[in-house]
Amino acid sequence: MDIHNKRILITGSSKGIGKALAERFAKEGAQVALVARSADTIEALAKTLGGKAYPADLTNLDDVTALIERVEADGPIDILINNAGISYCNWAPHHSAQDIEAIFRTNLLAPVHLCNQLIPRMLARGGGHIVNMSSLAAVLTPPGLVHYGASKAGLSHYTAGLRQDLRDLPIGLTLVQIGSVDTDLDDETRAYPPFKEFLGDKPPSDRTDMSVLIDGIVEAIRHNKRHVRYPKAIAFLPAIVEIPRRLSEAMFKKIKLNPL
């Protein structure tokens, strides 16, 4: 897919990976639609990038179910990037019911709802591309990230299942599975006392450079790649988990689907 002049919806675009993606896509000549809770931040960024801001709380079902209609009132979405994520890194029993709800609503349920709303529209227009941002915490089990990892594992498996349901249809699907990147979320994890003690005072050496990640995502959209995995040294781990999913694609290939 050529990114130039495409309209791209990015959730969690006020900072970190979402902001970096928005800046890169705008540089590539795309129109960016920015979603985050912080209205002032994304409105200022949208003004700088020539895009448009759509403040929304992805833990609020009303906001989520109205979002695609709201954004498409200003033009069709060609590419959806489900980037928003929260972890609240902590010992699992210290998470309140509200914390757990927020993690699963933001990391898993919001992407599912947005895909479900947008896919029929994309198909009616002839196609599109969806990027779901998962994590190596969906494969590994780092301390303090029990609920975050479970939500991202759900997103990874959802993407694989969605790929099966959309086979032979003109919608590209990219699953991004990443470890440590220089973001506030990663800083939060590293500040968690068990992690802090484990890592010591050494500067982070395992972080994937933001520009490398952004390049990888852009190229995945351009060339319809199924996966973006960093760091490369342990990219084989999510690849192993993918084996039974690929086997199921072969097993169920002959099942006729009626998507429309």
C-alpha atoms as a PDB file:
ATOM      1  CA  MET A   1       0.000   0.000   0.000  1.00  0.00           C
ATOM      2  CA  ASP A   2       1.260   3.449  -0.894  1.00  0.00           C
ATOM      3  CA  ILE A   3       1.080   5.602   2.235  1.00  0.00           C
ATOM      4  CA  HIS A   4       1.042   8.947   0.416  1.00  0.00           C
ATOM      5  CA  ASN A   5      -2.372  10.641   0.672  1.00  0.00           C
ATOM      6  CA  LYS A   6      -3.779   7.778   2.755  1.00  0.00           C
ATOM      7  CA  ARG A   7      -5.800   8.562   5.866  1.00  0.00           C
ATOM      8  CA  ILE A   8      -4.377   6.858   8.943  1.00  0.00           C
ATOM      9  CA  LEU A   9      -6.089   6.529  12.320  1.00  0.00           C
ATOM     10  CA  ILE A  10      -3.602   6.121  15.186  1.00  0.00           C
ATOM     11  CA  THR A  11      -4.730   5.459  18.748  1.00  0.00           C
ATOM     12  CA  GLY A  12      -2.489   6.451  21.640  1.00  0.00           C
ATOM     13  CA  SER A  13      -0.929   9.149  19.474  1.00  0.00           C
ATOM     14  CA  SER A  14      -0.161  11.774  22.118  1.00  0.00           C
ATOM     15  CA  LYS A  15       3.317  10.386  22.882  1.00  0.00           C
ATOM     16  CA  GLY A  16       5.770   7.550  22.399  1.00  0.00           C
ATOM     17  CA  ILE A  17       5.327   5.193  19.469  1.00  0.00           C
ATOM     18  CA  GLY A  18       1.983   6.695  18.436  1.00  0.00           C
ATOM     19  CA  LYS A  19       3.414  10.206  18.208  1.00  0.00           C
ATOM     20  CA  ALA A  20       6.492   8.971  16.326  1.00  0.00           C
ATOM     21  CA  LEU A  21       4.258   7.123  13.849  1.00  0.00           C
ATOM     22  CA  ALA A  22       2.088  10.198  13.328  1.00  0.00           C
ATOM     23  CA  GLU A  23       5.134  12.345  12.614  1.00  0.00           C
ATOM     24  CA  ARG A  24       6.543   9.800  10.161  1.00  0.00           C
ATOM     25  CA  PHE A  25       3.269   9.281   8.311  1.00  0.00           C
ATOM     26  CA  ALA A  26       2.743  13.025   7.982  1.00  0.00           C
ATOM     27  CA  LYS A  27       6.254  13.301   6.575  1.00  0.00           C
ATOM     28  CA  GLU A  28       5.334  10.596   4.046  1.00  0.00           C
ATOM     29  CA  GLY A  29       2.378  12.684   2.887  1.00  0.00           C
ATOM     30  CA  ALA A  30      -0.383  10.845   4.742  1.00  0.00           C
ATOM     31  CA  GLN A  31      -3.321  12.441   6.542  1.00  0.00           C
ATOM     32  CA  VAL A  32      -3.234  11.535  10.216  1.00  0.00           C
ATOM     33  CA  ALA A  33      -6.255  11.159  12.500  1.00  0.00           C
ATOM     34  CA  LEU A  34      -5.019  11.241  16.094  1.00  0.00           C
ATOM     35  CA  VAL A  35      -6.769   9.577  19.040  1.00  0.00           C
ATOM     36  CA  ALA A  36      -5.877   9.914  22.733  1.00  0.00           C
ATOM     37  CA  ARG A  37      -7.462  11.089  25.959  1.00  0.00           C
ATOM     38  CA  SER A  38      -5.292  14.215  26.164  1.00  0.00           C
ATOM     39  CA  ALA A  39      -7.236  16.563  23.911  1.00  0.00           C
ATOM     40  CA  ASP A  40      -4.860  19.549  24.149  1.00  0.00           C
ATOM     41  CA  THR A  41      -1.807  17.446  23.299  1.00  0.00           C
ATOM     42  CA  ILE A  42      -3.216  15.731  20.205  1.00  0.00           C
ATOM     43  CA  GLU A  43      -4.918  18.895  18.976  1.00  0.00           C
ATOM     44  CA  ALA A  44      -1.561  20.715  19.078  1.00  0.00           C
ATOM     45  CA  LEU A  45       0.159  17.783  17.347  1.00  0.00           C
ATOM     46  CA  ALA A  46      -2.564  17.543  14.711  1.00  0.00           C
ATOM     47  CA  LYS A  47      -2.183  21.232  13.969  1.00  0.00           C
ATOM     48  CA  THR A  48       1.577  20.798  13.529  1.00  0.00           C
ATOM     49  CA  LEU A  49       1.151  17.764  11.250  1.00  0.00           C
ATOM     50  CA  GLY A  50      -1.815  19.011   9.237  1.00  0.00           C
ATOM     51  CA  GLY A  51      -4.017  16.255  10.634  1.00  0.00           C
ATOM     52  CA  LYS A  52      -7.054  16.130  12.878  1.00  0.00           C
ATOM     53  CA  ALA A  53      -7.550  15.200  16.537  1.00  0.00           C
ATOM     54  CA  TYR A  54     -10.325  13.021  17.933  1.00  0.00           C
ATOM     55  CA  PRO A  55     -10.078  12.980  21.741  1.00  0.00           C
ATOM     56  CA  ALA A  56     -11.496   9.743  23.146  1.00  0.00           C
ATOM     57  CA  ASP A  57     -11.200   7.515  26.199  1.00  0.00           C
ATOM     58  CA  LEU A  58     -10.701   3.941  24.976  1.00  0.00           C
ATOM     59  CA  THR A  59     -11.784   2.548  28.350  1.00  0.00           C
ATOM     60  CA  ASN A  60     -15.224   4.058  27.692  1.00  0.00           C
ATOM     61  CA  LEU A  61     -17.378   1.836  25.485  1.00  0.00           C
ATOM     62  CA  ASP A  62     -19.487   4.766  24.287  1.00  0.00           C
ATOM     63  CA  ASP A  63     -16.369   6.582  23.075  1.00  0.00           C
ATOM     64  CA  VAL A  64     -15.084   3.442  21.338  1.00  0.00           C
ATOM     65  CA  THR A  65     -18.327   2.527  19.584  1.00  0.00           C
ATOM     66  CA  ALA A  66     -18.750   6.086  18.290  1.00  0.00           C
ATOM     67  CA  LEU A  67     -15.127   6.609  17.205  1.00  0.00           C
ATOM     68  CA  ILE A  68     -15.059   5.177  13.673  1.00  0.00           C
ATOM     69  CA  GLU A  69     -18.263   6.981  12.689  1.00  0.00           C
ATOM     70  CA  ARG A  70     -16.855  10.175  14.161  1.00  0.00           C
ATOM     71  CA  VAL A  71     -13.547   9.942  12.315  1.00  0.00           C
ATOM     72  CA  GLU A  72     -15.062   8.836   9.012  1.00  0.00           C
ATOM     73  CA  ALA A  73     -17.439  11.791   9.053  1.00  0.00           C
ATOM     74  CA  ASP A  74     -14.307  13.681   7.916  1.00  0.00           C
ATOM     75  CA  GLY A  75     -13.167  11.065   5.395  1.00  0.00           C
ATOM     76  CA  PRO A  76     -12.542   7.319   5.033  1.00  0.00           C
ATOM     77  CA  ILE A  77      -9.866   5.551   7.060  1.00  0.00           C
ATOM     78  CA  ASP A  78      -7.398   3.634   4.891  1.00  0.00           C
ATOM     79  CA  ILE A  79      -5.128   2.387   7.681  1.00  0.00           C
ATOM     80  CA  LEU A  80      -5.940   1.681  11.345  1.00  0.00           C
ATOM     81  CA  ILE A  81      -3.129   1.460  13.882  1.00  0.00           C
ATOM     82  CA  ASN A  82      -4.250   0.116  17.258  1.00  0.00           C
ATOM     83  CA  ASN A  83      -1.322   1.477  19.228  1.00  0.00           C
ATOM     84  CA  ALA A  84      -2.820   2.662  22.541  1.00  0.00           C
ATOM     85  CA  GLY A  85      -1.668   0.607  25.496  1.00  0.00           C
ATOM     86  CA  ILE A  86      -1.360   0.761  29.290  1.00  0.00           C
ATOM     87  CA  SER A  87       0.364  -1.626  31.694  1.00  0.00           C
ATOM     88  CA  TYR A  88       0.174  -0.286  35.280  1.00  0.00           C
ATOM     89  CA  CYS A  89       3.231  -2.438  35.990  1.00  0.00           C
ATOM     90  CA  ASN A  90       2.802  -3.896  39.482  1.00  0.00           C
ATOM     91  CA  TRP A  91       2.428  -7.108  41.457  1.00  0.00           C
ATOM     92  CA  ALA A  92      -0.785  -8.711  40.136  1.00  0.00           C
ATOM     93  CA  PRO A  93      -2.799  -8.695  43.406  1.00  0.00           C
ATOM     94  CA  HIS A  94      -2.099  -4.971  43.778  1.00  0.00           C
ATOM     95  CA  HIS A  95      -4.137  -4.223  40.659  1.00  0.00           C
ATOM     96  CA  SER A  96      -7.631  -3.011  41.473  1.00  0.00           C
ATOM     97  CA  ALA A  97     -10.659  -4.191  39.526  1.00  0.00           C
ATOM     98  CA  GLN A  98     -10.636  -0.782  37.836  1.00  0.00           C
ATOM     99  CA  ASP A  99      -6.976  -1.210  36.822  1.00  0.00           C
ATOM    100  CA  ILE A 100      -7.654  -4.620  35.292  1.00  0.00           C
ATOM    101  CA  GLU A 101     -10.711  -3.369  33.414  1.00  0.00           C
ATOM    102  CA  ALA A 102      -8.759  -0.405  32.036  1.00  0.00           C
ATOM    103  CA  ILE A 103      -5.878  -2.620  30.864  1.00  0.00           C
ATOM    104  CA  PHE A 104      -8.102  -5.078  29.003  1.00  0.00           C
ATOM    105  CA  ARG A 105     -10.411  -2.398  27.590  1.00  0.00           C
ATOM    106  CA  THR A 106      -7.510  -0.322  26.245  1.00  0.00           C
ATOM    107  CA  ASN A 107      -5.185  -3.094  25.064  1.00  0.00           C
ATOM    108  CA  LEU A 108      -7.644  -5.677  23.764  1.00  0.00           C
ATOM    109  CA  LEU A 109     -11.313  -4.712  23.674  1.00  0.00           C
ATOM    110  CA  ALA A 110     -10.877  -1.298  22.039  1.00  0.00           C
ATOM    111  CA  PRO A 111      -8.810  -2.718  19.133  1.00  0.00           C
ATOM    112  CA  VAL A 112     -11.372  -5.518  18.661  1.00  0.00           C
ATOM    113  CA  HIS A 113     -14.277  -3.067  18.570  1.00  0.00           C
ATOM    114  CA  LEU A 114     -12.480  -0.683  16.209  1.00  0.00           C
ATOM    115  CA  CYS A 115     -11.561  -3.497  13.815  1.00  0.00           C
ATOM    116  CA  ASN A 116     -15.115  -4.808  13.921  1.00  0.00           C
ATOM    117  CA  GLN A 117     -16.536  -1.398  13.049  1.00  0.00           C
ATOM    118  CA  LEU A 118     -14.016  -0.554  10.361  1.00  0.00           C
ATOM    119  CA  ILE A 119     -13.579  -3.815   8.437  1.00  0.00           C
ATOM    120  CA  PRO A 120     -17.005  -3.744   6.699  1.00  0.00           C
ATOM    121  CA  ARG A 121     -16.349  -0.145   5.664  1.00  0.00           C
ATOM    122  CA  MET A 122     -12.892  -1.008   4.323  1.00  0.00           C
ATOM    123  CA  LEU A 123     -14.284  -3.947   2.351  1.00  0.00           C
ATOM    124  CA  ALA A 124     -17.027  -1.786   0.869  1.00  0.00           C
ATOM    125  CA  ARG A 125     -14.328   0.627  -0.359  1.00  0.00           C
ATOM    126  CA  GLY A 126     -12.088  -2.099  -1.751  1.00  0.00           C
ATOM    127  CA  GLY A 127      -9.610  -2.677   1.068  1.00  0.00           C
ATOM    128  CA  GLY A 128      -7.345  -1.259   3.751  1.00  0.00           C
ATOM    129  CA  HIS A 129      -4.685  -2.187   6.279  1.00  0.00           C
ATOM    130  CA  ILE A 130      -4.757  -2.794  10.049  1.00  0.00           C
ATOM    131  CA  VAL A 131      -1.763  -2.741  12.401  1.00  0.00           C
ATOM    132  CA  ASN A 132      -2.182  -4.195  15.895  1.00  0.00           C
ATOM    133  CA  MET A 133       0.562  -3.341  18.377  1.00  0.00           C
ATOM    134  CA  SER A 134       1.274  -6.304  20.644  1.00  0.00           C
ATOM    135  CA  SER A 135       4.263  -7.098  22.848  1.00  0.00           C
ATOM    136  CA  LEU A 136       6.806  -9.771  23.685  1.00  0.00           C
ATOM    137  CA  ALA A 137       5.055  -9.778  27.069  1.00  0.00           C
ATOM    138  CA  ALA A 138       2.372 -11.734  25.213  1.00  0.00           C
ATOM    139  CA  VAL A 139       4.914 -14.562  24.855  1.00  0.00           C
ATOM    140  CA  LEU A 140       7.256 -14.056  27.818  1.00  0.00           C
ATOM    141  CA  THR A 141       5.946 -13.592  31.366  1.00  0.00           C
ATOM    142  CA  PRO A 142       7.779 -10.601  32.869  1.00  0.00           C
ATOM    143  CA  PRO A 143       7.002  -9.841  36.533  1.00  0.00           C
ATOM    144  CA  GLY A 144       4.551  -7.023  37.091  1.00  0.00           C
ATOM    145  CA  LEU A 145       2.973  -7.395  33.638  1.00  0.00           C
ATOM    146  CA  VAL A 146       0.505 -10.236  34.221  1.00  0.00           C
ATOM    147  CA  HIS A 147      -2.601  -8.407  33.036  1.00  0.00           C
ATOM    148  CA  TYR A 148      -0.766  -6.411  30.373  1.00  0.00           C
ATOM    149  CA  GLY A 149       0.758  -9.603  28.963  1.00  0.00           C
ATOM    150  CA  ALA A 150      -2.586 -11.405  28.991  1.00  0.00           C
ATOM    151  CA  SER A 151      -4.277  -8.543  27.151  1.00  0.00           C
ATOM    152  CA  LYS A 152      -1.522  -8.453  24.528  1.00  0.00           C
ATOM    153  CA  ALA A 153      -1.622 -12.242  24.142  1.00  0.00           C
ATOM    154  CA  GLY A 154      -5.334 -11.855  23.447  1.00  0.00           C
ATOM    155  CA  LEU A 155      -4.601  -9.193  20.836  1.00  0.00           C
ATOM    156  CA  SER A 156      -1.990 -11.390  19.151  1.00  0.00           C
ATOM    157  CA  HIS A 157      -4.348 -14.361  18.961  1.00  0.00           C
ATOM    158  CA  TYR A 158      -7.239 -12.148  17.849  1.00  0.00           C
ATOM    159  CA  THR A 159      -5.107 -10.839  14.983  1.00  0.00           C
ATOM    160  CA  ALA A 160      -4.248 -14.391  13.908  1.00  0.00           C
ATOM    161  CA  GLY A 161      -7.911 -15.404  14.008  1.00  0.00           C
ATOM    162  CA  LEU A 162      -8.955 -12.281  12.153  1.00  0.00           C
ATOM    163  CA  ARG A 163      -6.405 -13.090   9.468  1.00  0.00           C
ATOM    164  CA  GLN A 164      -8.157 -16.438   9.030  1.00  0.00           C
ATOM    165  CA  ASP A 165     -11.599 -14.830   8.750  1.00  0.00           C
ATOM    166  CA  LEU A 166     -10.325 -12.229   6.258  1.00  0.00           C
ATOM    167  CA  ARG A 167      -8.347 -14.592   4.053  1.00  0.00           C
ATOM    168  CA  ASP A 168      -8.554 -13.782   0.339  1.00  0.00           C
ATOM    169  CA  LEU A 169     -10.039 -10.376   1.164  1.00  0.00           C
ATOM    170  CA  PRO A 170      -8.221  -7.085   0.445  1.00  0.00           C
ATOM    171  CA  ILE A 171      -7.358  -6.115   4.022  1.00  0.00           C
ATOM    172  CA  GLY A 172      -3.742  -6.353   5.154  1.00  0.00           C
ATOM    173  CA  LEU A 173      -3.006  -7.290   8.768  1.00  0.00           C
ATOM    174  CA  THR A 174       0.268  -6.594  10.557  1.00  0.00           C
ATOM    175  CA  LEU A 175       0.975  -7.747  14.105  1.00  0.00           C
ATOM    176  CA  VAL A 176       3.782  -5.833  15.822  1.00  0.00           C
ATOM    177  CA  GLN A 177       5.489  -7.758  18.644  1.00  0.00           C
ATOM    178  CA  ILE A 178       8.093  -5.700  20.453  1.00  0.00           C
ATOM    179  CA  GLY A 179      10.181  -5.715  23.578  1.00  0.00           C
ATOM    180  CA  SER A 180      11.721  -2.639  25.116  1.00  0.00           C
ATOM    181  CA  VAL A 181      11.429   0.733  23.323  1.00  0.00           C
ATOM    182  CA  ASP A 182      12.156   4.205  24.711  1.00  0.00           C
ATOM    183  CA  THR A 183       8.642   5.115  25.902  1.00  0.00           C
ATOM    184  CA  ASP A 184       6.911   6.174  29.115  1.00  0.00           C
ATOM    185  CA  LEU A 185       5.393   2.695  29.363  1.00  0.00           C
ATOM    186  CA  ASP A 186       8.843   1.114  29.219  1.00  0.00           C
ATOM    187  CA  ASP A 187      10.147   3.594  31.817  1.00  0.00           C
ATOM    188  CA  GLU A 188       7.254   2.579  34.073  1.00  0.00           C
ATOM    189  CA  THR A 189       8.237  -1.079  33.757  1.00  0.00           C
ATOM    190  CA  ARG A 190      11.898  -0.355  34.488  1.00  0.00           C
ATOM    191  CA  ALA A 191      10.908   1.643  37.575  1.00  0.00           C
ATOM    192  CA  TYR A 192       9.040  -1.365  39.020  1.00  0.00           C
ATOM    193  CA  PRO A 193      11.252  -2.316  42.016  1.00  0.00           C
ATOM    194  CA  PRO A 194      11.900  -5.976  41.052  1.00  0.00           C
ATOM    195  CA  PHE A 195      12.870  -4.881  37.540  1.00  0.00           C
ATOM    196  CA  LYS A 196      14.934  -1.989  38.844  1.00  0.00           C
ATOM    197  CA  GLU A 197      16.874  -4.336  41.136  1.00  0.00           C
ATOM    198  CA  PHE A 198      17.326  -6.881  38.321  1.00  0.00           C
ATOM    199  CA  LEU A 199      18.564  -4.297  35.792  1.00  0.00           C
ATOM    200  CA  GLY A 200      20.717  -2.333  38.201  1.00  0.00           C
ATOM    201  CA  ASP A 201      22.051   1.106  37.277  1.00  0.00           C
ATOM    202  CA  LYS A 202      23.218   0.163  33.795  1.00  0.00           C
ATOM    203  CA  PRO A 203      21.813   2.291  30.968  1.00  0.00           C
ATOM    204  CA  PRO A 204      19.312   0.341  28.820  1.00  0.00           C
ATOM    205  CA  SER A 205      21.102  -1.661  26.149  1.00  0.00           C
ATOM    206  CA  ASP A 206      18.192  -3.879  25.112  1.00  0.00           C
ATOM    207  CA  ARG A 207      15.930  -1.139  23.806  1.00  0.00           C
ATOM    208  CA  THR A 208      14.984  -1.114  20.139  1.00  0.00           C
ATOM    209  CA  ASP A 209      15.669   2.276  18.618  1.00  0.00           C
ATOM    210  CA  MET A 210      12.428   4.134  17.912  1.00  0.00           C
ATOM    211  CA  SER A 211      13.436   4.960  14.344  1.00  0.00           C
ATOM    212  CA  VAL A 212      14.133   1.265  13.633  1.00  0.00           C
ATOM    213  CA  LEU A 213      10.678   0.311  14.908  1.00  0.00           C
ATOM    214  CA  ILE A 214       8.918   3.042  12.928  1.00  0.00           C
ATOM    215  CA  ASP A 215      10.791   2.070   9.748  1.00  0.00           C
ATOM    216  CA  GLY A 216       9.744  -1.545  10.305  1.00  0.00           C
ATOM    217  CA  ILE A 217       6.057  -0.659  10.681  1.00  0.00           C
ATOM    218  CA  VAL A 218       6.043   1.633   7.640  1.00  0.00           C
ATOM    219  CA  GLU A 219       7.680  -1.039   5.487  1.00  0.00           C
ATOM    220  CA  ALA A 220       5.238  -3.669   6.782  1.00  0.00           C
ATOM    221  CA  ILE A 221       2.304  -1.544   5.605  1.00  0.00           C
ATOM    222  CA  ARG A 222       3.937  -0.842   2.247  1.00  0.00           C
ATOM    223  CA  HIS A 223       4.687  -4.504   1.570  1.00  0.00           C
ATOM    224  CA  ASN A 224       1.782  -6.122   3.464  1.00  0.00           C
ATOM    225  CA  LYS A 225       4.008  -7.966   5.937  1.00  0.00           C
ATOM    226  CA  ARG A 226       2.303 -10.116   8.536  1.00  0.00           C
ATOM    227  CA  HIS A 227       4.721  -9.405  11.391  1.00  0.00           C
ATOM    228  CA  VAL A 228       7.124  -6.820  12.787  1.00  0.00           C
ATOM    229  CA  ARG A 229       9.290  -8.259  15.585  1.00  0.00           C
ATOM    230  CA  TYR A 230      11.946  -6.530  17.688  1.00  0.00           C
ATOM    231  CA  PRO A 231      14.518  -7.014  19.071  1.00  0.00           C
ATOM    232  CA  LYS A 232      15.788  -9.328  16.354  1.00  0.00           C
ATOM    233  CA  ALA A 233      17.845 -11.365  18.850  1.00  0.00           C
ATOM    234  CA  ILE A 234      14.698 -12.914  20.341  1.00  0.00           C
ATOM    235  CA  ALA A 235      12.287 -12.541  17.400  1.00  0.00           C
ATOM    236  CA  PHE A 236      12.236 -16.336  17.160  1.00  0.00           C
ATOM    237  CA  LEU A 237      10.140 -16.548  20.352  1.00  0.00           C
ATOM    238  CA  PRO A 238       6.895 -15.071  18.951  1.00  0.00           C
ATOM    239  CA  ALA A 239       7.658 -16.913  15.698  1.00  0.00           C
ATOM    240  CA  ILE A 240       7.495 -20.213  17.611  1.00  0.00           C
ATOM    241  CA  VAL A 241       4.115 -19.277  19.091  1.00  0.00           C
ATOM    242  CA  GLU A 242       2.911 -18.539  15.563  1.00  0.00           C
ATOM    243  CA  ILE A 243       3.510 -22.125  14.379  1.00  0.00           C
ATOM    244  CA  PRO A 244       0.167 -23.606  15.559  1.00  0.00           C
ATOM    245  CA  ARG A 245      -1.662 -20.600  14.116  1.00  0.00           C
ATOM    246  CA  ARG A 246      -0.097 -21.197  10.710  1.00  0.00           C
ATOM    247  CA  LEU A 247      -0.975 -24.872  10.984  1.00  0.00           C
ATOM    248  CA  SER A 248      -4.594 -23.948  11.670  1.00  0.00           C
ATOM    249  CA  GLU A 249      -4.635 -21.787   8.553  1.00  0.00           C
ATOM    250  CA  ALA A 250      -3.692 -24.870   6.550  1.00  0.00           C
ATOM    251  CA  MET A 251      -6.156 -27.122   8.425  1.00  0.00           C
ATOM    252  CA  PHE A 252      -9.156 -24.850   7.905  1.00  0.00           C
ATOM    253  CA  LYS A 253      -8.238 -23.577   4.447  1.00  0.00           C
ATOM    254  CA  LYS A 254     -11.087 -25.447   2.763  1.00  0.00           C
ATOM    255  CA  ILE A 255     -13.787 -24.054   5.024  1.00  0.00           C
ATOM    256  CA  LYS A 256     -15.918 -21.611   3.036  1.00  0.00           C
ATOM    257  CA  LEU A 257     -16.481 -18.283   4.713  1.00  0.00           C
ATOM    258  CA  ASN A 258     -19.316 -15.857   4.052  1.00  0.00           C
ATOM    259  CA  PRO A 259     -18.017 -12.536   5.358  1.00  0.00           C
ATOM    260  CA  LEU A 260     -20.558 -10.280   3.657  1.00  0.00           C
END
